C-alpha cells in the first residue's frame, strides 16, 4: 500500500462530506441574437472547496485509538498499522539525519530506523498520555545506534571495550583542555577508575573501527604514489638463517683448522665427501667420520647456548 493511497483514504474518512454549492445556470442572450438589448454579465465562478489540513499528531492519535480497538486478526488492523508507519516516516528521516556523517548510506540508516519505528508503534499505548513522537524517538535512535555498534566495526570487539573507548575519548578531551596537553595513560586510568592495562586496550580498540583497503592510494605524507600493498614488507626466508649463522660463528672459530675447512667445503662450497677427501688429502670415509663428529659438537654448542 503506498503512502498516497493510505493518506488519501484516511483523510477521506476524516473530512466532512460537504459538497460545493451548485449554481443554477442562467440563460443570457447572446450579443446580437435578440436585437439591441443589453447583455447580462456572466456570473462569477464559485471558489473551490477547501479542506482543512489535519494535524499529523491528531491523525496519529485517532489511528492509534482505532488500532487499539481492533482485534489481532482483524484485516483492517494491518491497514491502520501500515498507515501509521507511513505517516510517521518523517520522524525516522529526522532521526537518521543526525547520523549523516557516518560512512553508511542514508537509505540503510532510514531502513534501520524504520524497524525502530515499527517496534515503537507495536508497543505504544495511547492511554498513557504521552505523544507518540516523544515515545518513538528514543526507540528509533536506539535502533540506529545498535546498528552502528553491531555492524560498523571492521573487527568485532566486546561491547565493554566499545563503551570504554567512548569514555576514554570524552575523558581525553576534558583532560586535554584542563592540562593543555595530551593526558597520559595513568591520568586517564585515574579519572575513569580503571587499570592502565584497560586504558591501553581501550585506546587500541579505536584502530579496529575502520579498515583501509590495500588497494587504496598511499597517504600524501608518504608521497602519495602507489597503493598501500606496494609498501608492505614481505617475509624474508633468509632471515632465520642469519640468526643461525651468527650463533655458529664463535663455534666455528673454536674448531681445529682441518675440521673447519671440511665444514666450509661441504656446506659453503657444496662439495661432495669424495671431493673434500681429495682436497684435504684423506679418504672419503675419514671425511664422513669427521663431519659427523664436528656437526655433533656444533649442535651441542647451539643447544647449550
C-alpha atoms as a PDB file:
ATOM      1  CA  UNK A   1       0.000   0.000   0.000  1.00  0.00           C
ATOM      2  CA  UNK A   2       1.502   3.364  -0.997  1.00  0.00           C
ATOM      3  CA  UNK A   3       1.609   6.424   1.226  1.00  0.00           C
ATOM      4  CA  UNK A   4      -0.634   8.361  -1.131  1.00  0.00           C
ATOM      5  CA  UNK A   5      -3.307   5.680  -1.046  1.00  0.00           C
ATOM      6  CA  UNK A   6      -3.185   5.363   2.766  1.00  0.00           C
ATOM      7  CA  UNK A   7      -3.197   9.089   3.424  1.00  0.00           C
ATOM      8  CA  UNK A   8      -5.948   9.807   0.915  1.00  0.00           C
ATOM      9  CA  UNK A   9      -8.223   7.152   2.418  1.00  0.00           C
ATOM     10  CA  UNK A  10      -7.645   8.372   5.983  1.00  0.00           C
ATOM     11  CA  UNK A  11      -8.209  11.973   5.007  1.00  0.00           C
ATOM     12  CA  UNK A  12     -11.311  10.936   3.132  1.00  0.00           C
ATOM     13  CA  UNK A  13     -12.696   9.362   6.295  1.00  0.00           C
ATOM     14  CA  UNK A  14     -11.803  12.360   8.466  1.00  0.00           C
ATOM     15  CA  UNK A  15     -13.082  15.133   6.190  1.00  0.00           C
ATOM     16  CA  UNK A  16     -16.654  16.317   6.211  1.00  0.00           C
ATOM     17  CA  UNK A  17     -18.906  15.319   3.413  1.00  0.00           C
ATOM     18  CA  UNK A  18     -19.793  18.839   2.497  1.00  0.00           C
ATOM     19  CA  UNK A  19     -20.412  19.411  -1.225  1.00  0.00           C
ATOM     20  CA  UNK A  20     -19.759  22.646  -3.071  1.00  0.00           C
ATOM     21  CA  UNK A  21     -22.697  24.896  -3.814  1.00  0.00           C
ATOM     22  CA  UNK A  22     -24.376  24.222  -7.090  1.00  0.00           C
ATOM     23  CA  UNK A  23     -25.010  27.192  -9.276  1.00  0.00           C
ATOM     24  CA  UNK A  24     -28.098  27.233 -11.453  1.00  0.00           C
ATOM     25  CA  UNK A  25     -27.343  28.157 -14.973  1.00  0.00           C
ATOM     26  CA  UNK A  26     -28.825  31.404 -16.205  1.00  0.00           C
ATOM     27  CA  UNK A  27     -29.603  31.744 -19.847  1.00  0.00           C
ATOM     28  CA  UNK A  28     -28.244  35.037 -21.092  1.00  0.00           C
ATOM     29  CA  UNK A  29     -28.973  36.405 -24.523  1.00  0.00           C
ATOM     30  CA  UNK A  30     -26.144  36.384 -26.913  1.00  0.00           C
ATOM     31  CA  UNK A  31     -24.976  39.731 -28.214  1.00  0.00           C
ATOM     32  CA  UNK A  32     -26.884  40.449 -31.392  1.00  0.00           C
ATOM     33  CA  UNK A  33     -29.062  37.417 -31.139  1.00  0.00           C
ATOM     34  CA  UNK A  34     -32.052  39.276 -29.618  1.00  0.00           C
ATOM     35  CA  UNK A  35     -31.653  42.630 -31.166  1.00  0.00           C
ATOM     36  CA  UNK A  36     -30.132  45.601 -29.392  1.00  0.00           C
ATOM     37  CA  UNK A  37     -30.952  44.510 -25.815  1.00  0.00           C
ATOM     38  CA  UNK A  38     -28.207  44.636 -23.137  1.00  0.00           C
ATOM     39  CA  UNK A  39     -26.082  41.614 -22.493  1.00  0.00           C
ATOM     40  CA  UNK A  40     -26.236  40.222 -18.933  1.00  0.00           C
ATOM     41  CA  UNK A  41     -22.834  39.907 -17.211  1.00  0.00           C
ATOM     42  CA  UNK A  42     -21.543  36.408 -16.571  1.00  0.00           C
ATOM     43  CA  UNK A  43     -21.849  35.122 -13.012  1.00  0.00           C
ATOM     44  CA  UNK A  44     -18.522  34.717 -11.161  1.00  0.00           C
ATOM     45  CA  UNK A  45     -17.352  31.159 -10.623  1.00  0.00           C
ATOM     46  CA  UNK A  46     -17.594  29.931  -7.028  1.00  0.00           C
ATOM     47  CA  UNK A  47     -14.346  29.489  -5.105  1.00  0.00           C
ATOM     48  CA  UNK A  48     -13.125  25.866  -4.934  1.00  0.00           C
ATOM     49  CA  UNK A  49     -13.996  23.971  -1.806  1.00  0.00           C
ATOM     50  CA  UNK A  50     -11.082  23.798   0.681  1.00  0.00           C
ATOM     51  CA  UNK A  51     -10.393  21.005   3.105  1.00  0.00           C
ATOM     52  CA  UNK A  52      -8.888  21.586   6.471  1.00  0.00           C
ATOM     53  CA  UNK A  53      -5.348  20.300   6.968  1.00  0.00           C
ATOM     54  CA  UNK A  54      -5.343  17.552   9.549  1.00  0.00           C
ATOM     55  CA  UNK A  55      -2.533  17.655  12.052  1.00  0.00           C
ATOM     56  CA  UNK A  56      -0.282  14.613  11.900  1.00  0.00           C
ATOM     57  CA  UNK A  57      -0.319  14.096  15.654  1.00  0.00           C
ATOM     58  CA  UNK A  58      -4.085  14.320  15.820  1.00  0.00           C
ATOM     59  CA  UNK A  59      -4.421  11.863  12.982  1.00  0.00           C
ATOM     60  CA  UNK A  60      -1.905   9.511  14.571  1.00  0.00           C
ATOM     61  CA  UNK A  61      -3.800   9.649  17.859  1.00  0.00           C
ATOM     62  CA  UNK A  62      -7.035   8.765  16.081  1.00  0.00           C
ATOM     63  CA  UNK A  63      -5.364   5.875  14.266  1.00  0.00           C
ATOM     64  CA  UNK A  64      -3.829   4.555  17.488  1.00  0.00           C
ATOM     65  CA  UNK A  65      -7.241   4.597  19.148  1.00  0.00           C
ATOM     66  CA  UNK A  66      -8.620   2.728  16.168  1.00  0.00           C
ATOM     67  CA  UNK A  67      -5.712   0.261  16.260  1.00  0.00           C
ATOM     68  CA  UNK A  68      -6.285  -0.459  19.943  1.00  0.00           C
ATOM     69  CA  UNK A  69      -9.966  -1.186  19.282  1.00  0.00           C
ATOM     70  CA  UNK A  70      -9.241  -3.693  16.514  1.00  0.00           C
ATOM     71  CA  UNK A  71      -8.561  -7.347  17.149  1.00  0.00           C
ATOM     72  CA  UNK A  72      -5.280  -9.056  16.364  1.00  0.00           C
ATOM     73  CA  UNK A  73      -6.770 -10.958  13.423  1.00  0.00           C
ATOM     74  CA  UNK A  74      -8.733  -8.063  12.005  1.00  0.00           C
ATOM     75  CA  UNK A  75      -7.920  -7.363   8.331  1.00  0.00           C
ATOM     76  CA  UNK A  76      -8.296  -3.639   8.974  1.00  0.00           C
ATOM     77  CA  UNK A  77      -5.587  -3.733  11.657  1.00  0.00           C
ATOM     78  CA  UNK A  78      -2.804  -4.279   9.104  1.00  0.00           C
ATOM     79  CA  UNK A  79      -4.081  -1.351   7.046  1.00  0.00           C
ATOM     80  CA  UNK A  80      -4.202   1.008  10.045  1.00  0.00           C
ATOM     81  CA  UNK A  81      -0.737  -0.137  11.191  1.00  0.00           C
ATOM     82  CA  UNK A  82       0.773   0.421   7.731  1.00  0.00           C
ATOM     83  CA  UNK A  83      -0.820   3.864   7.575  1.00  0.00           C
ATOM     84  CA  UNK A  84       0.744   4.771  10.936  1.00  0.00           C
ATOM     85  CA  UNK A  85       4.154   3.654   9.682  1.00  0.00           C
ATOM     86  CA  UNK A  86       3.923   5.739   6.523  1.00  0.00           C
ATOM     87  CA  UNK A  87       2.514   8.698   8.407  1.00  0.00           C
ATOM     88  CA  UNK A  88       5.470   8.788  10.824  1.00  0.00           C
ATOM     89  CA  UNK A  89       8.292   8.122   8.342  1.00  0.00           C
ATOM     90  CA  UNK A  90       9.382  11.800   8.524  1.00  0.00           C
ATOM     91  CA  UNK A  91      10.216  11.129  12.184  1.00  0.00           C
ATOM     92  CA  UNK A  92      12.625   8.382  11.064  1.00  0.00           C
ATOM     93  CA  UNK A  93      14.257  10.635   8.467  1.00  0.00           C
ATOM     94  CA  UNK A  94      14.711  13.339  11.084  1.00  0.00           C
ATOM     95  CA  UNK A  95      16.429  10.886  13.442  1.00  0.00           C
ATOM     96  CA  UNK A  96      18.562   9.422  10.629  1.00  0.00           C
ATOM     97  CA  UNK A  97      19.795  12.893   9.655  1.00  0.00           C
ATOM     98  CA  UNK A  98      21.773  13.008  12.912  1.00  0.00           C
ATOM     99  CA  UNK A  99      23.985  10.218  11.569  1.00  0.00           C
ATOM    100  CA  UNK A 100      24.614  11.622   8.084  1.00  0.00           C
ATOM    101  CA  UNK A 101      28.340  11.974   8.809  1.00  0.00           C
ATOM    102  CA  UNK A 102      28.747   8.209   9.234  1.00  0.00           C
ATOM    103  CA  UNK A 103      30.153   6.118   6.411  1.00  0.00           C
ATOM    104  CA  UNK A 104      26.854   4.393   5.758  1.00  0.00           C
ATOM    105  CA  UNK A 105      24.261   5.053   3.030  1.00  0.00           C
ATOM    106  CA  UNK A 106      21.385   7.169   4.298  1.00  0.00           C
ATOM    107  CA  UNK A 107      18.897   4.659   2.855  1.00  0.00           C
ATOM    108  CA  UNK A 108      20.306   1.916   5.093  1.00  0.00           C
ATOM    109  CA  UNK A 109      20.072   4.151   8.162  1.00  0.00           C
ATOM    110  CA  UNK A 110      16.447   5.029   7.329  1.00  0.00           C
ATOM    111  CA  UNK A 111      15.602   1.337   6.935  1.00  0.00           C
ATOM    112  CA  UNK A 112      17.095   0.545  10.337  1.00  0.00           C
ATOM    113  CA  UNK A 113      15.254   3.489  11.875  1.00  0.00           C
ATOM    114  CA  UNK A 114      12.009   2.226  10.325  1.00  0.00           C
ATOM    115  CA  UNK A 115      12.476  -1.036  12.229  1.00  0.00           C
ATOM    116  CA  UNK A 116      12.641   1.014  15.425  1.00  0.00           C
ATOM    117  CA  UNK A 117       9.512   2.894  14.358  1.00  0.00           C
ATOM    118  CA  UNK A 118       7.610  -0.366  13.861  1.00  0.00           C
ATOM    119  CA  UNK A 119       8.679  -1.546  17.320  1.00  0.00           C
ATOM    120  CA  UNK A 120       7.525   1.744  18.830  1.00  0.00           C
ATOM    121  CA  UNK A 121       4.131   1.511  17.096  1.00  0.00           C
ATOM    122  CA  UNK A 122       3.605  -2.023  18.383  1.00  0.00           C
ATOM    123  CA  UNK A 123       4.462  -1.007  21.966  1.00  0.00           C
ATOM    124  CA  UNK A 124       2.768   2.391  22.102  1.00  0.00           C
ATOM    125  CA  UNK A 125      -0.163   2.840  24.467  1.00  0.00           C
ATOM    126  CA  UNK A 126      -2.202   5.928  23.598  1.00  0.00           C
ATOM    127  CA  UNK A 127      -3.905   5.905  27.006  1.00  0.00           C
ATOM    128  CA  UNK A 128      -0.714   6.793  28.869  1.00  0.00           C
ATOM    129  CA  UNK A 129      -0.960  10.443  27.836  1.00  0.00           C
ATOM    130  CA  UNK A 130       2.393  10.571  26.007  1.00  0.00           C
ATOM    131  CA  UNK A 131       2.762  11.917  22.479  1.00  0.00           C
ATOM    132  CA  UNK A 132       3.895   9.282  20.022  1.00  0.00           C
ATOM    133  CA  UNK A 133       6.948  11.226  18.679  1.00  0.00           C
ATOM    134  CA  UNK A 134       8.216  11.608  22.259  1.00  0.00           C
ATOM    135  CA  UNK A 135       7.784   7.886  22.834  1.00  0.00           C
ATOM    136  CA  UNK A 136       9.150   6.736  19.479  1.00  0.00           C
ATOM    137  CA  UNK A 137      12.287   8.891  19.125  1.00  0.00           C
ATOM    138  CA  UNK A 138      14.404   7.022  21.748  1.00  0.00           C
ATOM    139  CA  UNK A 139      13.441   3.692  20.173  1.00  0.00           C
ATOM    140  CA  UNK A 140      14.322   4.835  16.651  1.00  0.00           C
ATOM    141  CA  UNK A 141      17.638   6.401  17.692  1.00  0.00           C
ATOM    142  CA  UNK A 142      18.492   3.370  19.840  1.00  0.00           C
ATOM    143  CA  UNK A 143      17.895   1.036  16.905  1.00  0.00           C
ATOM    144  CA  UNK A 144      20.212   3.113  14.708  1.00  0.00           C
ATOM    145  CA  UNK A 145      22.918   3.217  17.381  1.00  0.00           C
ATOM    146  CA  UNK A 146      22.639  -0.539  17.839  1.00  0.00           C
ATOM    147  CA  UNK A 147      23.106  -0.947  14.089  1.00  0.00           C
ATOM    148  CA  UNK A 148      26.337   1.052  14.152  1.00  0.00           C
ATOM    149  CA  UNK A 149      27.562  -0.750  17.252  1.00  0.00           C
ATOM    150  CA  UNK A 150      26.991  -4.217  15.801  1.00  0.00           C
ATOM    151  CA  UNK A 151      27.850  -3.788  12.121  1.00  0.00           C
ATOM    152  CA  UNK A 152      30.009  -0.722  11.513  1.00  0.00           C
ATOM    153  CA  UNK A 153      33.140  -2.026  13.295  1.00  0.00           C
ATOM    154  CA  UNK A 154      35.670  -3.592  10.925  1.00  0.00           C
ATOM    155  CA  UNK A 155      36.727  -6.016  13.667  1.00  0.00           C
ATOM    156  CA  UNK A 156      34.234  -7.322  16.184  1.00  0.00           C
ATOM    157  CA  UNK A 157      35.204  -6.175  19.690  1.00  0.00           C
ATOM    158  CA  UNK A 158      33.398  -6.690  23.017  1.00  0.00           C
ATOM    159  CA  UNK A 159      30.794  -4.135  23.948  1.00  0.00           C
ATOM    160  CA  UNK A 160      32.701  -3.371  27.160  1.00  0.00           C
ATOM    161  CA  UNK A 161      35.681  -2.141  25.147  1.00  0.00           C
ATOM    162  CA  UNK A 162      33.442  -0.143  22.824  1.00  0.00           C
ATOM    163  CA  UNK A 163      31.945   1.708  25.783  1.00  0.00           C
ATOM    164  CA  UNK A 164      35.413   2.123  27.314  1.00  0.00           C
ATOM    165  CA  UNK A 165      36.646   3.698  24.084  1.00  0.00           C
ATOM    166  CA  UNK A 166      33.826   6.259  24.183  1.00  0.00           C
ATOM    167  CA  UNK A 167      34.591   7.061  27.826  1.00  0.00           C
ATOM    168  CA  UNK A 168      38.299   7.433  27.006  1.00  0.00           C
ATOM    169  CA  UNK A 169      37.538   9.822  24.174  1.00  0.00           C
ATOM    170  CA  UNK A 170      35.409  12.019  26.425  1.00  0.00           C
ATOM    171  CA  UNK A 171      37.914  11.921  29.298  1.00  0.00           C
ATOM    172  CA  UNK A 172      40.813  12.645  26.956  1.00  0.00           C
ATOM    173  CA  UNK A 173      39.108  15.751  25.577  1.00  0.00           C
ATOM    174  CA  UNK A 174      38.327  17.066  29.056  1.00  0.00           C
ATOM    175  CA  UNK A 175      41.858  16.450  30.360  1.00  0.00           C
ATOM    176  CA  UNK A 176      43.423  17.985  27.251  1.00  0.00           C
ATOM    177  CA  UNK A 177      41.522  21.227  27.871  1.00  0.00           C
ATOM    178  CA  UNK A 178      42.332  21.169  31.583  1.00  0.00           C
ATOM    179  CA  UNK A 179      46.028  20.254  31.331  1.00  0.00           C
ATOM    180  CA  UNK A 180      46.717  21.984  27.999  1.00  0.00           C
ATOM    181  CA  UNK A 181      48.390  18.790  26.777  1.00  0.00           C
ATOM    182  CA  UNK A 182      47.552  15.211  25.910  1.00  0.00           C
ATOM    183  CA  UNK A 183      46.817  13.113  29.021  1.00  0.00           C
ATOM    184  CA  UNK A 184      48.940  10.136  29.904  1.00  0.00           C
ATOM    185  CA  UNK A 185      47.732   6.593  30.430  1.00  0.00           C
ATOM    186  CA  UNK A 186      47.982   6.789  34.275  1.00  0.00           C
ATOM    187  CA  UNK A 187      45.986  10.042  34.267  1.00  0.00           C
ATOM    188  CA  UNK A 188      43.226   8.522  32.148  1.00  0.00           C
ATOM    189  CA  UNK A 189      43.161   5.432  34.370  1.00  0.00           C
ATOM    190  CA  UNK A 190      42.831   7.605  37.489  1.00  0.00           C
ATOM    191  CA  UNK A 191      39.937   9.626  36.040  1.00  0.00           C
ATOM    192  CA  UNK A 192      37.970   6.590  34.838  1.00  0.00           C
ATOM    193  CA  UNK A 193      38.830   4.360  37.780  1.00  0.00           C
ATOM    194  CA  UNK A 194      40.206   1.522  35.631  1.00  0.00           C
ATOM    195  CA  UNK A 195      43.576  -0.130  35.334  1.00  0.00           C
ATOM    196  CA  UNK A 196      46.271   1.104  32.984  1.00  0.00           C
ATOM    197  CA  UNK A 197      46.026  -2.162  31.012  1.00  0.00           C
ATOM    198  CA  UNK A 198      42.339  -1.461  30.353  1.00  0.00           C
ATOM    199  CA  UNK A 199      43.192   2.041  29.156  1.00  0.00           C
ATOM    200  CA  UNK A 200      45.765   0.645  26.728  1.00  0.00           C
ATOM    201  CA  UNK A 201      43.214  -1.881  25.439  1.00  0.00           C
ATOM    202  CA  UNK A 202      40.578   0.828  25.056  1.00  0.00           C
ATOM    203  CA  UNK A 203      42.946   3.047  23.086  1.00  0.00           C
ATOM    204  CA  UNK A 204      43.943   0.149  20.841  1.00  0.00           C
ATOM    205  CA  UNK A 205      40.289  -0.677  20.140  1.00  0.00           C
ATOM    206  CA  UNK A 206      39.975   2.538  18.131  1.00  0.00           C
ATOM    207  CA  UNK A 207      42.152   1.011  15.412  1.00  0.00           C
ATOM    208  CA  UNK A 208      39.553  -1.720  14.865  1.00  0.00           C
ATOM    209  CA  UNK A 209      36.700   0.636  13.953  1.00  0.00           C
ATOM    210  CA  UNK A 210      37.729   1.289  10.359  1.00  0.00           C
ATOM    211  CA  UNK A 211      39.957  -0.589   7.956  1.00  0.00           C
ATOM    212  CA  UNK A 212      41.747   0.628   4.852  1.00  0.00           C
ATOM    213  CA  UNK A 213      41.860  -1.298   1.621  1.00  0.00           C
ATOM    214  CA  UNK A 214      45.267  -2.493   0.434  1.00  0.00           C
ATOM    215  CA  UNK A 215      44.386  -1.064  -2.969  1.00  0.00           C
ATOM    216  CA  UNK A 216      43.751   2.431  -1.621  1.00  0.00           C
ATOM    217  CA  UNK A 217      46.300   5.141  -2.554  1.00  0.00           C
ATOM    218  CA  UNK A 218      49.156   5.792  -0.187  1.00  0.00           C
ATOM    219  CA  UNK A 219      48.870   8.869   2.085  1.00  0.00           C
ATOM    220  CA  UNK A 220      50.091  12.144   0.644  1.00  0.00           C
ATOM    221  CA  UNK A 221      52.553  12.474   3.517  1.00  0.00           C
ATOM    222  CA  UNK A 222      54.388   9.423   2.144  1.00  0.00           C
ATOM    223  CA  UNK A 223      54.472  10.719  -1.411  1.00  0.00           C
ATOM    224  CA  UNK A 224      51.020   9.514  -2.468  1.00  0.00           C
ATOM    225  CA  UNK A 225      52.406   7.157  -5.102  1.00  0.00           C
ATOM    226  CA  UNK A 226      51.288   3.567  -5.457  1.00  0.00           C
ATOM    227  CA  UNK A 227      48.984   1.665  -3.142  1.00  0.00           C
ATOM    228  CA  UNK A 228      49.372   0.513   0.437  1.00  0.00           C
ATOM    229  CA  UNK A 229      50.020  -3.036  -0.764  1.00  0.00           C
ATOM    230  CA  UNK A 230      53.115  -1.815  -2.622  1.00  0.00           C
ATOM    231  CA  UNK A 231      54.568  -0.525   0.650  1.00  0.00           C
ATOM    232  CA  UNK A 232      54.054  -3.643   2.712  1.00  0.00           C
ATOM    233  CA  UNK A 233      57.068  -5.796   3.525  1.00  0.00           C
ATOM    234  CA  UNK A 234      57.439  -9.443   2.631  1.00  0.00           C
ATOM    235  CA  UNK A 235      58.697 -12.458   4.502  1.00  0.00           C
ATOM    236  CA  UNK A 236      62.445 -12.887   4.058  1.00  0.00           C
ATOM    237  CA  UNK A 237      63.176 -16.596   4.026  1.00  0.00           C
ATOM    238  CA  UNK A 238      66.864 -15.966   4.724  1.00  0.00           C
ATOM    239  CA  UNK A 239      66.133 -14.003   7.913  1.00  0.00           C
ATOM    240  CA  UNK A 240      66.030 -17.133  10.061  1.00  0.00           C
ATOM    241  CA  UNK A 241      69.386 -18.229   8.676  1.00  0.00           C
ATOM    242  CA  UNK A 242      71.002 -15.005   9.877  1.00  0.00           C
ATOM    243  CA  UNK A 243      70.394 -15.977  13.484  1.00  0.00           C
ATOM    244  CA  UNK A 244      71.848 -19.423  12.942  1.00  0.00           C
ATOM    245  CA  UNK A 245      74.952 -18.073  11.211  1.00  0.00           C
ATOM    246  CA  UNK A 246      75.611 -15.532  13.930  1.00  0.00           C
ATOM    247  CA  UNK A 247      75.288 -18.255  16.558  1.00  0.00           C
ATOM    248  CA  UNK A 248      77.625 -20.577  14.636  1.00  0.00           C
ATOM    249  CA  UNK A 249      80.407 -18.058  14.103  1.00  0.00           C
ATOM    250  CA  UNK A 250      82.011 -18.397  17.571  1.00  0.00           C
ATOM    251  CA  UNK A 251      81.570 -22.184  17.477  1.00  0.00           C
ATOM    252  CA  UNK A 252      83.258 -22.472  14.075  1.00  0.00           C
ATOM    253  CA  UNK A 253      86.114 -20.309  15.296  1.00  0.00           C
ATOM    254  CA  UNK A 254      86.840 -22.847  18.069  1.00  0.00           C
ATOM    255  CA  UNK A 255      87.152 -25.797  15.632  1.00  0.00           C
ATOM    256  CA  UNK A 256      90.565 -27.123  14.530  1.00  0.00           C
ATOM    257  CA  UNK A 257      91.647 -25.801  11.096  1.00  0.00           C
ATOM    258  CA  UNK A 258      91.077 -29.125   9.296  1.00  0.00           C
ATOM    259  CA  UNK A 259      87.526 -29.629  10.664  1.00  0.00           C
ATOM    260  CA  UNK A 260      86.673 -26.003   9.932  1.00  0.00           C
ATOM    261  CA  UNK A 261      87.947 -26.425   6.355  1.00  0.00           C
ATOM    262  CA  UNK A 262      85.838 -29.545   5.869  1.00  0.00           C
ATOM    263  CA  UNK A 263      82.704 -27.729   7.106  1.00  0.00           C
ATOM    264  CA  UNK A 264      83.361 -24.809   4.773  1.00  0.00           C
ATOM    265  CA  UNK A 265      83.930 -27.073   1.768  1.00  0.00           C
ATOM    266  CA  UNK A 266      80.860 -29.202   2.493  1.00  0.00           C
ATOM    267  CA  UNK A 267      78.250 -26.545   3.296  1.00  0.00           C
ATOM    268  CA  UNK A 268      79.564 -23.407   1.621  1.00  0.00           C
ATOM    269  CA  UNK A 269      81.355 -24.795  -1.437  1.00  0.00           C
ATOM    270  CA  UNK A 270      78.794 -27.629  -1.857  1.00  0.00           C
ATOM    271  CA  UNK A 271      81.496 -30.230  -2.457  1.00  0.00           C
ATOM    272  CA  UNK A 272      80.912 -33.961  -2.027  1.00  0.00           C
ATOM    273  CA  UNK A 273      82.740 -36.010   0.561  1.00  0.00           C
ATOM    274  CA  UNK A 274      84.927 -37.571  -2.149  1.00  0.00           C
ATOM    275  CA  UNK A 275      85.897 -34.129  -3.476  1.00  0.00           C
ATOM    276  CA  UNK A 276      86.625 -32.943   0.058  1.00  0.00           C
ATOM    277  CA  UNK A 277      88.871 -36.009   0.646  1.00  0.00           C
ATOM    278  CA  UNK A 278      90.857 -35.250  -2.477  1.00  0.00           C
ATOM    279  CA  UNK A 279      91.142 -31.566  -1.463  1.00  0.00           C
ATOM    280  CA  UNK A 280      92.254 -32.303   2.102  1.00  0.00           C
ATOM    281  CA  UNK A 281      94.243 -35.476   1.312  1.00  0.00           C
ATOM    282  CA  UNK A 282      92.217 -38.006   3.314  1.00  0.00           C
ATOM    283  CA  UNK A 283      89.779 -40.768   2.455  1.00  0.00           C
ATOM    284  CA  UNK A 284      86.051 -40.277   1.947  1.00  0.00           C
ATOM    285  CA  UNK A 285      85.323 -42.488   4.978  1.00  0.00           C
ATOM    286  CA  UNK A 286      87.543 -40.298   7.153  1.00  0.00           C
ATOM    287  CA  UNK A 287      85.738 -37.189   5.900  1.00  0.00           C
ATOM    288  CA  UNK A 288      82.389 -38.740   6.818  1.00  0.00           C
ATOM    289  CA  UNK A 289      83.539 -39.505  10.378  1.00  0.00           C
ATOM    290  CA  UNK A 290      84.977 -36.002  10.834  1.00  0.00           C
ATOM    291  CA  UNK A 291      81.758 -34.401   9.562  1.00  0.00           C
ATOM    292  CA  UNK A 292      79.594 -36.481  11.908  1.00  0.00           C
ATOM    293  CA  UNK A 293      81.737 -35.636  14.937  1.00  0.00           C
ATOM    294  CA  UNK A 294      82.033 -31.925  14.081  1.00  0.00           C
ATOM    295  CA  UNK A 295      78.326 -31.487  13.441  1.00  0.00           C
ATOM    296  CA  UNK A 296      77.536 -33.143  16.787  1.00  0.00           C
ATOM    297  CA  UNK A 297      79.847 -30.674  18.522  1.00  0.00           C
ATOM    298  CA  UNK A 298      78.242 -27.698  16.784  1.00  0.00           C
ATOM    299  CA  UNK A 299      74.728 -28.982  17.576  1.00  0.00           C
ATOM    300  CA  UNK A 300      75.565 -29.373  21.255  1.00  0.00           C
ATOM    301  CA  UNK A 301      77.077 -25.883  21.307  1.00  0.00           C
ATOM    302  CA  UNK A 302      73.879 -24.359  19.872  1.00  0.00           C
ATOM    303  CA  UNK A 303      71.665 -26.206  22.330  1.00  0.00           C
ATOM    304  CA  UNK A 304      73.771 -25.210  25.322  1.00  0.00           C
ATOM    305  CA  UNK A 305      73.736 -21.562  24.274  1.00  0.00           C
END
